[in-house]
Amino acid sequence: MAVRQAKKSKLSAPEAVGIAQEFVAEHLTDLMGVGVPWRMQSPLGRIWVVPVWITYPGFEQAATIGSMAVDENSGAIISWTPVEEMKLNAARFHTTNRELIATNFQAIPKN
């Protein structure tokens, strides 16, 4: 007797965020995280677009440095801003805002 597998429900936004966070943790630094995803539709199917942010004290989500596309059906990351480009974008933000970043770090209470 053949048993039919139930179709996996489509990937939710929190699941897409979790997948993207794993990618960031594996390939980038702890100053980088992911933002709120949104869906996109194409003739090939639906994806979640997940922005990648750089964060600093006083900035929270300071700047978008890249993004990735997570397939809604498979959960696979099918496209992303190249890691080296995200690192370069983060470095540009840091260079441009160096003094303000230093000021915000100095304002963090010391224990």
PDB file of N, CA and C in Angstrom:
ATOM      1  N   MET A   1       0.841  -1.176   0.000  1.00  0.00           N
ATOM      2  CA  MET A   1       0.000   0.000   0.000  1.00  0.00           C
ATOM      3  C   MET A   1       0.892   1.247   0.000  1.00  0.00           C
ATOM      4  N   ALA A   2       0.675   2.128  -0.922  1.00  0.00           N
ATOM      5  CA  ALA A   2       1.467   3.352  -1.025  1.00  0.00           C
ATOM      6  C   ALA A   2       0.967   4.375  -0.014  1.00  0.00           C
ATOM      7  N   VAL A   3       1.903   5.007   0.630  1.00  0.00           N
ATOM      8  CA  VAL A   3       1.562   6.050   1.593  1.00  0.00           C
ATOM      9  C   VAL A   3       1.912   7.384   0.959  1.00  0.00           C
ATOM     10  N   ARG A   4       0.960   8.275   0.927  1.00  0.00           N
ATOM     11  CA  ARG A   4       1.204   9.602   0.367  1.00  0.00           C
ATOM     12  C   ARG A   4       1.791  10.496   1.442  1.00  0.00           C
ATOM     13  N   GLN A   5       2.837  11.175   1.080  1.00  0.00           N
ATOM     14  CA  GLN A   5       3.413  12.128   2.017  1.00  0.00           C
ATOM     15  C   GLN A   5       2.623  13.419   1.942  1.00  0.00           C
ATOM     16  N   ALA A   6       2.369  13.967   3.096  1.00  0.00           N
ATOM     17  CA  ALA A   6       1.700  15.266   3.124  1.00  0.00           C
ATOM     18  C   ALA A   6       2.661  16.303   2.565  1.00  0.00           C
ATOM     19  N   LYS A   7       2.121  17.202   1.768  1.00  0.00           N
ATOM     20  CA  LYS A   7       2.958  18.268   1.224  1.00  0.00           C
ATOM     21  C   LYS A   7       3.396  19.186   2.354  1.00  0.00           C
ATOM     22  N   LYS A   8       4.670  19.529   2.344  1.00  0.00           N
ATOM     23  CA  LYS A   8       5.171  20.469   3.338  1.00  0.00           C
ATOM     24  C   LYS A   8       4.544  21.823   3.056  1.00  0.00           C
ATOM     25  N   SER A   9       4.084  22.442   4.106  1.00  0.00           N
ATOM     26  CA  SER A   9       3.509  23.766   3.907  1.00  0.00           C
ATOM     27  C   SER A   9       4.606  24.722   3.454  1.00  0.00           C
ATOM     28  N   LYS A  10       4.200  25.780   2.823  1.00  0.00           N
ATOM     29  CA  LYS A  10       5.156  26.753   2.309  1.00  0.00           C
ATOM     30  C   LYS A  10       5.920  27.384   3.468  1.00  0.00           C
ATOM     31  N   LEU A  11       7.144  27.766   3.178  1.00  0.00           N
ATOM     32  CA  LEU A  11       8.026  28.370   4.167  1.00  0.00           C
ATOM     33  C   LEU A  11       7.428  29.674   4.685  1.00  0.00           C
ATOM     34  N   SER A  12       7.439  29.856   5.978  1.00  0.00           N
ATOM     35  CA  SER A  12       6.930  31.094   6.579  1.00  0.00           C
ATOM     36  C   SER A  12       8.046  32.141   6.642  1.00  0.00           C
ATOM     37  N   ALA A  13       7.659  33.378   6.901  1.00  0.00           N
ATOM     38  CA  ALA A  13       8.647  34.452   7.040  1.00  0.00           C
ATOM     39  C   ALA A  13       9.644  34.156   8.162  1.00  0.00           C
ATOM     40  N   PRO A  14       9.193  33.726   9.363  1.00  0.00           N
ATOM     41  CA  PRO A  14      10.170  33.415  10.415  1.00  0.00           C
ATOM     42  C   PRO A  14      11.125  32.275  10.036  1.00  0.00           C
ATOM     43  N   GLU A  15      10.642  31.309   9.282  1.00  0.00           N
ATOM     44  CA  GLU A  15      11.522  30.220   8.830  1.00  0.00           C
ATOM     45  C   GLU A  15      12.571  30.744   7.847  1.00  0.00           C
ATOM     46  N   ALA A  16      12.150  31.631   6.946  1.00  0.00           N
ATOM     47  CA  ALA A  16      13.094  32.233   5.992  1.00  0.00           C
ATOM     48  C   ALA A  16      14.158  33.040   6.734  1.00  0.00           C
ATOM     49  N   VAL A  17      13.740  33.760   7.768  1.00  0.00           N
ATOM     50  CA  VAL A  17      14.684  34.533   8.585  1.00  0.00           C
ATOM     51  C   VAL A  17      15.694  33.603   9.249  1.00  0.00           C
ATOM     52  N   GLY A  18      15.219  32.487   9.796  1.00  0.00           N
ATOM     53  CA  GLY A  18      16.117  31.526  10.440  1.00  0.00           C
ATOM     54  C   GLY A  18      17.157  30.973   9.483  1.00  0.00           C
ATOM     55  N   ILE A  19      16.731  30.649   8.278  1.00  0.00           N
ATOM     56  CA  ILE A  19      17.655  30.136   7.260  1.00  0.00           C
ATOM     57  C   ILE A  19      18.686  31.208   6.903  1.00  0.00           C
ATOM     58  N   ALA A  20      18.216  32.443   6.725  1.00  0.00           N
ATOM     59  CA  ALA A  20      19.122  33.546   6.393  1.00  0.00           C
ATOM     60  C   ALA A  20      20.097  33.824   7.537  1.00  0.00           C
ATOM     61  N   GLN A  21      19.623  33.745   8.782  1.00  0.00           N
ATOM     62  CA  GLN A  21      20.501  33.976   9.932  1.00  0.00           C
ATOM     63  C   GLN A  21      21.621  32.937   9.997  1.00  0.00           C
ATOM     64  N   GLU A  22      21.294  31.698   9.664  1.00  0.00           N
ATOM     65  CA  GLU A  22      22.330  30.656   9.635  1.00  0.00           C
ATOM     66  C   GLU A  22      23.413  30.998   8.612  1.00  0.00           C
ATOM     67  N   PHE A  23      22.995  31.475   7.440  1.00  0.00           N
ATOM     68  CA  PHE A  23      23.942  31.868   6.394  1.00  0.00           C
ATOM     69  C   PHE A  23      24.843  32.991   6.900  1.00  0.00           C
ATOM     70  N   VAL A  24      24.232  34.008   7.511  1.00  0.00           N
ATOM     71  CA  VAL A  24      25.000  35.149   8.024  1.00  0.00           C
ATOM     72  C   VAL A  24      25.982  34.687   9.098  1.00  0.00           C
ATOM     73  N   ALA A  25      25.526  33.840  10.010  1.00  0.00           N
ATOM     74  CA  ALA A  25      26.401  33.348  11.084  1.00  0.00           C
ATOM     75  C   ALA A  25      27.582  32.557  10.526  1.00  0.00           C
ATOM     76  N   GLU A  26      27.345  31.854   9.452  1.00  0.00           N
ATOM     77  CA  GLU A  26      28.385  31.014   8.856  1.00  0.00           C
ATOM     78  C   GLU A  26      29.397  31.809   8.026  1.00  0.00           C
ATOM     79  N   HIS A  27      28.940  32.892   7.383  1.00  0.00           N
ATOM     80  CA  HIS A  27      29.784  33.578   6.404  1.00  0.00           C
ATOM     81  C   HIS A  27      30.190  35.004   6.765  1.00  0.00           C
ATOM     82  N   LEU A  28      29.525  35.612   7.753  1.00  0.00           N
ATOM     83  CA  LEU A  28      29.792  37.017   8.068  1.00  0.00           C
ATOM     84  C   LEU A  28      30.111  37.169   9.554  1.00  0.00           C
ATOM     85  N   THR A  29      30.127  38.396  10.064  1.00  0.00           N
ATOM     86  CA  THR A  29      30.468  38.630  11.470  1.00  0.00           C
ATOM     87  C   THR A  29      29.223  38.803  12.323  1.00  0.00           C
ATOM     88  N   ASP A  30      29.436  38.868  13.634  1.00  0.00           N
ATOM     89  CA  ASP A  30      28.303  39.025  14.544  1.00  0.00           C
ATOM     90  C   ASP A  30      27.718  40.431  14.536  1.00  0.00           C
ATOM     91  N   LEU A  31      28.324  41.359  13.826  1.00  0.00           N
ATOM     92  CA  LEU A  31      27.745  42.694  13.675  1.00  0.00           C
ATOM     93  C   LEU A  31      26.715  42.734  12.549  1.00  0.00           C
ATOM     94  N   MET A  32      26.506  41.601  11.897  1.00  0.00           N
ATOM     95  CA  MET A  32      25.574  41.552  10.774  1.00  0.00           C
ATOM     96  C   MET A  32      24.403  40.646  11.110  1.00  0.00           C
ATOM     97  N   GLY A  33      23.242  41.067  10.670  1.00  0.00           N
ATOM     98  CA  GLY A  33      22.032  40.296  10.921  1.00  0.00           C
ATOM     99  C   GLY A  33      21.083  40.435   9.749  1.00  0.00           C
ATOM    100  N   VAL A  34      19.871  39.951   9.931  1.00  0.00           N
ATOM    101  CA  VAL A  34      18.891  40.006   8.847  1.00  0.00           C
ATOM    102  C   VAL A  34      17.673  40.808   9.277  1.00  0.00           C
ATOM    103  N   GLY A  35      17.003  41.371   8.287  1.00  0.00           N
ATOM    104  CA  GLY A  35      15.826  42.182   8.531  1.00  0.00           C
ATOM    105  C   GLY A  35      14.545  41.436   8.204  1.00  0.00           C
ATOM    106  N   VAL A  36      13.479  42.190   8.065  1.00  0.00           N
ATOM    107  CA  VAL A  36      12.152  41.643   7.795  1.00  0.00           C
ATOM    108  C   VAL A  36      12.061  41.239   6.322  1.00  0.00           C
ATOM    109  N   PRO A  37      11.707  39.984   6.059  1.00  0.00           N
ATOM    110  CA  PRO A  37      11.632  39.522   4.667  1.00  0.00           C
ATOM    111  C   PRO A  37      10.330  39.946   3.986  1.00  0.00           C
ATOM    112  N   TRP A  38      10.349  39.917   2.668  1.00  0.00           N
ATOM    113  CA  TRP A  38       9.133  40.121   1.883  1.00  0.00           C
ATOM    114  C   TRP A  38       9.128  39.109   0.752  1.00  0.00           C
ATOM    115  N   ARG A  39       7.932  38.818   0.254  1.00  0.00           N
ATOM    116  CA  ARG A  39       7.795  37.829  -0.823  1.00  0.00           C
ATOM    117  C   ARG A  39       7.928  38.481  -2.183  1.00  0.00           C
ATOM    118  N   MET A  40       8.463  37.677  -3.105  1.00  0.00           N
ATOM    119  CA  MET A  40       8.467  38.045  -4.519  1.00  0.00           C
ATOM    120  C   MET A  40       7.977  36.844  -5.300  1.00  0.00           C
ATOM    121  N   GLN A  41       7.291  37.122  -6.379  1.00  0.00           N
ATOM    122  CA  GLN A  41       6.725  36.087  -7.245  1.00  0.00           C
ATOM    123  C   GLN A  41       7.391  36.180  -8.605  1.00  0.00           C
ATOM    124  N   SER A  42       7.712  35.036  -9.191  1.00  0.00           N
ATOM    125  CA  SER A  42       8.222  34.996 -10.560  1.00  0.00           C
ATOM    126  C   SER A  42       7.567  33.811 -11.257  1.00  0.00           C
ATOM    127  N   PRO A  43       7.755  33.663 -12.565  1.00  0.00           N
ATOM    128  CA  PRO A  43       7.214  32.487 -13.244  1.00  0.00           C
ATOM    129  C   PRO A  43       7.785  31.179 -12.682  1.00  0.00           C
ATOM    130  N   LEU A  44       8.923  31.257 -12.012  1.00  0.00           N
ATOM    131  CA  LEU A  44       9.550  30.062 -11.448  1.00  0.00           C
ATOM    132  C   LEU A  44       9.040  29.723 -10.048  1.00  0.00           C
ATOM    133  N   GLY A  45       8.331  30.648  -9.426  1.00  0.00           N
ATOM    134  CA  GLY A  45       7.794  30.394  -8.089  1.00  0.00           C
ATOM    135  C   GLY A  45       7.977  31.588  -7.173  1.00  0.00           C
ATOM    136  N   ARG A  46       7.712  31.350  -5.890  1.00  0.00           N
ATOM    137  CA  ARG A  46       7.814  32.414  -4.895  1.00  0.00           C
ATOM    138  C   ARG A  46       9.099  32.279  -4.085  1.00  0.00           C
ATOM    139  N   ILE A  47       9.615  33.442  -3.702  1.00  0.00           N
ATOM    140  CA  ILE A  47      10.791  33.487  -2.836  1.00  0.00           C
ATOM    141  C   ILE A  47      10.539  34.487  -1.715  1.00  0.00           C
ATOM    142  N   TRP A  48      11.309  34.330  -0.666  1.00  0.00           N
ATOM    143  CA  TRP A  48      11.402  35.349   0.377  1.00  0.00           C
ATOM    144  C   TRP A  48      12.700  36.108   0.137  1.00  0.00           C
ATOM    145  N   VAL A  49      12.614  37.429   0.028  1.00  0.00           N
ATOM    146  CA  VAL A  49      13.805  38.270  -0.060  1.00  0.00           C
ATOM    147  C   VAL A  49      14.116  38.727   1.364  1.00  0.00           C
ATOM    148  N   VAL A  50      15.320  38.436   1.818  1.00  0.00           N
ATOM    149  CA  VAL A  50      15.714  38.764   3.190  1.00  0.00           C
ATOM    150  C   VAL A  50      16.888  39.744   3.140  1.00  0.00           C
ATOM    151  N   PRO A  51      16.700  40.968   3.668  1.00  0.00           N
ATOM    152  CA  PRO A  51      17.807  41.921   3.676  1.00  0.00           C
ATOM    153  C   PRO A  51      18.850  41.540   4.724  1.00  0.00           C
ATOM    154  N   VAL A  52      20.098  41.857   4.434  1.00  0.00           N
ATOM    155  CA  VAL A  52      21.192  41.646   5.380  1.00  0.00           C
ATOM    156  C   VAL A  52      21.657  43.026   5.843  1.00  0.00           C
ATOM    157  N   TRP A  53      21.740  43.197   7.158  1.00  0.00           N
ATOM    158  CA  TRP A  53      22.063  44.479   7.771  1.00  0.00           C
ATOM    159  C   TRP A  53      23.398  44.420   8.489  1.00  0.00           C
ATOM    160  N   ILE A  54      24.004  45.583   8.638  1.00  0.00           N
ATOM    161  CA  ILE A  54      25.096  45.738   9.600  1.00  0.00           C
ATOM    162  C   ILE A  54      24.512  46.513  10.769  1.00  0.00           C
ATOM    163  N   THR A  55      24.898  46.145  11.973  1.00  0.00           N
ATOM    164  CA  THR A  55      24.364  46.792  13.171  1.00  0.00           C
ATOM    165  C   THR A  55      25.512  47.324  14.022  1.00  0.00           C
ATOM    166  N   TYR A  56      25.240  48.417  14.710  1.00  0.00           N
ATOM    167  CA  TYR A  56      26.184  48.996  15.664  1.00  0.00           C
ATOM    168  C   TYR A  56      25.368  49.588  16.799  1.00  0.00           C
ATOM    169  N   PRO A  57      25.945  49.706  18.003  1.00  0.00           N
ATOM    170  CA  PRO A  57      25.231  50.389  19.079  1.00  0.00           C
ATOM    171  C   PRO A  57      24.852  51.799  18.638  1.00  0.00           C
ATOM    172  N   GLY A  58      23.637  52.173  18.916  1.00  0.00           N
ATOM    173  CA  GLY A  58      23.160  53.498  18.534  1.00  0.00           C
ATOM    174  C   GLY A  58      22.611  53.567  17.125  1.00  0.00           C
ATOM    175  N   PHE A  59      22.855  52.553  16.328  1.00  0.00           N
ATOM    176  CA  PHE A  59      22.353  52.527  14.959  1.00  0.00           C
ATOM    177  C   PHE A  59      21.266  51.477  14.775  1.00  0.00           C
ATOM    178  N   GLU A  60      21.290  50.428  15.589  1.00  0.00           N
ATOM    179  CA  GLU A  60      20.446  49.249  15.420  1.00  0.00           C
ATOM    180  C   GLU A  60      20.701  48.679  14.027  1.00  0.00           C
ATOM    181  N   GLN A  61      19.692  48.670  13.168  1.00  0.00           N
ATOM    182  CA  GLN A  61      19.910  48.188  11.800  1.00  0.00           C
ATOM    183  C   GLN A  61      20.456  49.365  11.003  1.00  0.00           C
ATOM    184  N   ALA A  62      21.773  49.465  10.971  1.00  0.00           N
ATOM    185  CA  ALA A  62      22.426  50.661  10.458  1.00  0.00           C
ATOM    186  C   ALA A  62      22.301  50.836   8.954  1.00  0.00           C
ATOM    187  N   ALA A  63      22.557  49.778   8.206  1.00  0.00           N
ATOM    188  CA  ALA A  63      22.549  49.888   6.751  1.00  0.00           C
ATOM    189  C   ALA A  63      22.344  48.515   6.134  1.00  0.00           C
ATOM    190  N   THR A  64      21.637  48.496   5.020  1.00  0.00           N
ATOM    191  CA  THR A  64      21.506  47.252   4.265  1.00  0.00           C
ATOM    192  C   THR A  64      22.800  47.047   3.493  1.00  0.00           C
ATOM    193  N   ILE A  65      23.404  45.872   3.670  1.00  0.00           N
ATOM    194  CA  ILE A  65      24.668  45.591   2.982  1.00  0.00           C
ATOM    195  C   ILE A  65      24.510  44.511   1.923  1.00  0.00           C
ATOM    196  N   GLY A  66      23.321  43.919   1.845  1.00  0.00           N
ATOM    197  CA  GLY A  66      23.071  42.874   0.859  1.00  0.00           C
ATOM    198  C   GLY A  66      21.696  42.272   1.069  1.00  0.00           C
ATOM    199  N   SER A  67      21.424  41.200   0.352  1.00  0.00           N
ATOM    200  CA  SER A  67      20.156  40.489   0.511  1.00  0.00           C
ATOM    201  C   SER A  67      20.323  39.071  -0.005  1.00  0.00           C
ATOM    202  N   MET A  68      19.335  38.245   0.316  1.00  0.00           N
ATOM    203  CA  MET A  68      19.334  36.880  -0.206  1.00  0.00           C
ATOM    204  C   MET A  68      17.907  36.477  -0.504  1.00  0.00           C
ATOM    205  N   ALA A  69      17.771  35.483  -1.377  1.00  0.00           N
ATOM    206  CA  ALA A  69      16.467  34.955  -1.767  1.00  0.00           C
ATOM    207  C   ALA A  69      16.365  33.520  -1.272  1.00  0.00           C
ATOM    208  N   VAL A  70      15.309  33.256  -0.500  1.00  0.00           N
ATOM    209  CA  VAL A  70      15.066  31.921   0.036  1.00  0.00           C
ATOM    210  C   VAL A  70      13.835  31.354  -0.667  1.00  0.00           C
ATOM    211  N   ASP A  71      13.996  30.218  -1.327  1.00  0.00           N
ATOM    212  CA  ASP A  71      12.894  29.580  -2.045  1.00  0.00           C
ATOM    213  C   ASP A  71      11.799  29.186  -1.062  1.00  0.00           C
ATOM    214  N   GLU A  72      10.571  29.603  -1.351  1.00  0.00           N
ATOM    215  CA  GLU A  72       9.452  29.355  -0.445  1.00  0.00           C
ATOM    216  C   GLU A  72       9.097  27.873  -0.341  1.00  0.00           C
ATOM    217  N   ASN A  73       9.336  27.112  -1.385  1.00  0.00           N
ATOM    218  CA  ASN A  73       8.991  25.688  -1.362  1.00  0.00           C
ATOM    219  C   ASN A  73      10.073  24.823  -0.736  1.00  0.00           C
ATOM    220  N   SER A  74      11.324  25.054  -1.119  1.00  0.00           N
ATOM    221  CA  SER A  74      12.405  24.168  -0.667  1.00  0.00           C
ATOM    222  C   SER A  74      13.140  24.669   0.569  1.00  0.00           C
ATOM    223  N   GLY A  75      13.087  25.978   0.814  1.00  0.00           N
ATOM    224  CA  GLY A  75      13.859  26.548   1.912  1.00  0.00           C
ATOM    225  C   GLY A  75      15.318  26.768   1.561  1.00  0.00           C
ATOM    226  N   ALA A  76      15.676  26.552   0.300  1.00  0.00           N
ATOM    227  CA  ALA A  76      17.063  26.741  -0.137  1.00  0.00           C
ATOM    228  C   ALA A  76      17.330  28.215  -0.428  1.00  0.00           C
ATOM    229  N   ILE A  77      18.527  28.663  -0.083  1.00  0.00           N
ATOM    230  CA  ILE A  77      18.954  30.000  -0.491  1.00  0.00           C
ATOM    231  C   ILE A  77      19.378  29.870  -1.946  1.00  0.00           C
ATOM    232  N   ILE A  78      18.642  30.539  -2.825  1.00  0.00           N
ATOM    233  CA  ILE A  78      18.880  30.362  -4.254  1.00  0.00           C
ATOM    234  C   ILE A  78      19.646  31.522  -4.887  1.00  0.00           C
ATOM    235  N   SER A  79      19.775  32.620  -4.139  1.00  0.00           N
ATOM    236  CA  SER A  79      20.498  33.776  -4.654  1.00  0.00           C
ATOM    237  C   SER A  79      20.899  34.650  -3.468  1.00  0.00           C
ATOM    238  N   TRP A  80      22.048  35.319  -3.571  1.00  0.00           N
ATOM    239  CA  TRP A  80      22.489  36.201  -2.496  1.00  0.00           C
ATOM    240  C   TRP A  80      23.511  37.180  -3.028  1.00  0.00           C
ATOM    241  N   THR A  81      23.630  38.300  -2.333  1.00  0.00           N
ATOM    242  CA  THR A  81      24.704  39.233  -2.623  1.00  0.00           C
ATOM    243  C   THR A  81      26.005  38.519  -2.271  1.00  0.00           C
ATOM    244  N   PRO A  82      27.007  38.563  -3.147  1.00  0.00           N
ATOM    245  CA  PRO A  82      28.263  37.879  -2.824  1.00  0.00           C
ATOM    246  C   PRO A  82      28.807  38.326  -1.458  1.00  0.00           C
ATOM    247  N   VAL A  83      29.305  37.372  -0.698  1.00  0.00           N
ATOM    248  CA  VAL A  83      29.795  37.632   0.659  1.00  0.00           C
ATOM    249  C   VAL A  83      30.850  38.736   0.657  1.00  0.00           C
ATOM    250  N   GLU A  84      31.778  38.691  -0.275  1.00  0.00           N
ATOM    251  CA  GLU A  84      32.826  39.722  -0.324  1.00  0.00           C
ATOM    252  C   GLU A  84      32.228  41.109  -0.564  1.00  0.00           C
ATOM    253  N   GLU A  85      31.167  41.181  -1.353  1.00  0.00           N
ATOM    254  CA  GLU A  85      30.509  42.468  -1.597  1.00  0.00           C
ATOM    255  C   GLU A  85      29.818  42.963  -0.328  1.00  0.00           C
ATOM    256  N   MET A  86      29.189  42.052   0.424  1.00  0.00           N
ATOM    257  CA  MET A  86      28.561  42.455   1.688  1.00  0.00           C
ATOM    258  C   MET A  86      29.614  42.972   2.661  1.00  0.00           C
ATOM    259  N   LYS A  87      30.754  42.302   2.723  1.00  0.00           N
ATOM    260  CA  LYS A  87      31.840  42.752   3.606  1.00  0.00           C
ATOM    261  C   LYS A  87      32.355  44.119   3.171  1.00  0.00           C
ATOM    262  N   LEU A  88      32.469  44.330   1.871  1.00  0.00           N
ATOM    263  CA  LEU A  88      32.914  45.620   1.350  1.00  0.00           C
ATOM    264  C   LEU A  88      31.895  46.714   1.680  1.00  0.00           C
ATOM    265  N   ASN A  89      30.610  46.421   1.520  1.00  0.00           N
ATOM    266  CA  ASN A  89      29.563  47.389   1.859  1.00  0.00           C
ATOM    267  C   ASN A  89      29.605  47.740   3.347  1.00  0.00           C
ATOM    268  N   ALA A  90      29.845  46.746   4.196  1.00  0.00           N
ATOM    269  CA  ALA A  90      29.956  46.983   5.639  1.00  0.00           C
ATOM    270  C   ALA A  90      31.169  47.863   5.944  1.00  0.00           C
ATOM    271  N   ALA A  91      32.278  47.588   5.279  1.00  0.00           N
ATOM    272  CA  ALA A  91      33.493  48.385   5.492  1.00  0.00           C
ATOM    273  C   ALA A  91      33.276  49.833   5.056  1.00  0.00           C
ATOM    274  N   ARG A  92      32.565  50.034   3.963  1.00  0.00           N
ATOM    275  CA  ARG A  92      32.264  51.402   3.497  1.00  0.00           C
ATOM    276  C   ARG A  92      31.432  52.145   4.532  1.00  0.00           C
ATOM    277  N   PHE A  93      30.416  51.457   5.071  1.00  0.00           N
ATOM    278  CA  PHE A  93      29.577  52.092   6.092  1.00  0.00           C
ATOM    279  C   PHE A  93      30.435  52.467   7.296  1.00  0.00           C
ATOM    280  N   HIS A  94      31.282  51.547   7.729  1.00  0.00           N
ATOM    281  CA  HIS A  94      32.134  51.798   8.898  1.00  0.00           C
ATOM    282  C   HIS A  94      33.059  52.988   8.652  1.00  0.00           C
ATOM    283  N   THR A  95      33.679  53.029   7.489  1.00  0.00           N
ATOM    284  CA  THR A  95      34.596  54.121   7.160  1.00  0.00           C
ATOM    285  C   THR A  95      33.870  55.461   7.140  1.00  0.00           C
ATOM    286  N   THR A  96      32.704  55.490   6.547  1.00  0.00           N
ATOM    287  CA  THR A  96      31.929  56.722   6.437  1.00  0.00           C
ATOM    288  C   THR A  96      31.443  57.219   7.795  1.00  0.00           C
ATOM    289  N   ASN A  97      31.169  56.299   8.720  1.00  0.00           N
ATOM    290  CA  ASN A  97      30.566  56.654  10.010  1.00  0.00           C
ATOM    291  C   ASN A  97      31.482  56.370  11.200  1.00  0.00           C
ATOM    292  N   ARG A  98      32.769  56.280  10.960  1.00  0.00           N
ATOM    293  CA  ARG A  98      33.745  55.874  11.986  1.00  0.00           C
ATOM    294  C   ARG A  98      33.626  56.687  13.284  1.00  0.00           C
ATOM    295  N   GLU A  99      33.584  58.014  13.189  1.00  0.00           N
ATOM    296  CA  GLU A  99      33.550  58.848  14.399  1.00  0.00           C
ATOM    297  C   GLU A  99      32.264  58.636  15.190  1.00  0.00           C
ATOM    298  N   LEU A 100      31.144  58.580  14.512  1.00  0.00           N
ATOM    299  CA  LEU A 100      29.867  58.375  15.198  1.00  0.00           C
ATOM    300  C   LEU A 100      29.805  56.985  15.840  1.00  0.00           C
ATOM    301  N   ILE A 101      30.331  55.988  15.165  1.00  0.00           N
ATOM    302  CA  ILE A 101      30.372  54.627  15.718  1.00  0.00           C
ATOM    303  C   ILE A 101      31.216  54.618  16.991  1.00  0.00           C
ATOM    304  N   ALA A 102      32.380  55.271  16.957  1.00  0.00           N
ATOM    305  CA  ALA A 102      33.255  55.328  18.135  1.00  0.00           C
ATOM    306  C   ALA A 102      32.560  56.034  19.292  1.00  0.00           C
ATOM    307  N   THR A 103      31.870  57.124  19.006  1.00  0.00           N
ATOM    308  CA  THR A 103      31.133  57.849  20.043  1.00  0.00           C
ATOM    309  C   THR A 103      30.066  56.963  20.667  1.00  0.00           C
ATOM    310  N   ASN A 104      29.336  56.235  19.839  1.00  0.00           N
ATOM    311  CA  ASN A 104      28.284  55.352  20.359  1.00  0.00           C
ATOM    312  C   ASN A 104      28.867  54.220  21.198  1.00  0.00           C
ATOM    313  N   PHE A 105      30.005  53.670  20.792  1.00  0.00           N
ATOM    314  CA  PHE A 105      30.647  52.616  21.587  1.00  0.00           C
ATOM    315  C   PHE A 105      31.097  53.164  22.940  1.00  0.00           C
ATOM    316  N   GLN A 106      31.619  54.393  22.964  1.00  0.00           N
ATOM    317  CA  GLN A 106      32.071  54.992  24.221  1.00  0.00           C
ATOM    318  C   GLN A 106      30.907  55.266  25.164  1.00  0.00           C
ATOM    319  N   ALA A 107      29.710  55.449  24.613  1.00  0.00           N
ATOM    320  CA  ALA A 107      28.532  55.739  25.434  1.00  0.00           C
ATOM    321  C   ALA A 107      27.935  54.489  26.081  1.00  0.00           C
ATOM    322  N   ILE A 108      28.411  53.306  25.709  1.00  0.00           N
ATOM    323  CA  ILE A 108      27.893  52.064  26.293  1.00  0.00           C
ATOM    324  C   ILE A 108      28.348  51.993  27.745  1.00  0.00           C
ATOM    325  N   PRO A 109      27.406  51.790  28.690  1.00  0.00           N
ATOM    326  CA  PRO A 109      27.788  51.704  30.106  1.00  0.00           C
ATOM    327  C   PRO A 109      28.762  50.556  30.352  1.00  0.00           C
ATOM    328  N   LYS A 110      29.757  50.826  31.162  1.00  0.00           N
ATOM    329  CA  LYS A 110      30.746  49.800  31.510  1.00  0.00           C
ATOM    330  C   LYS A 110      30.339  49.190  32.850  1.00  0.00           C
ATOM    331  N   ASN A 111      30.458  47.899  32.975  1.00  0.00           N
ATOM    332  CA  ASN A 111      30.086  47.224  34.236  1.00  0.00           C
ATOM    333  C   ASN A 111      31.203  47.273  35.236  1.00  0.00           C
TER     334      ASN A 111
END
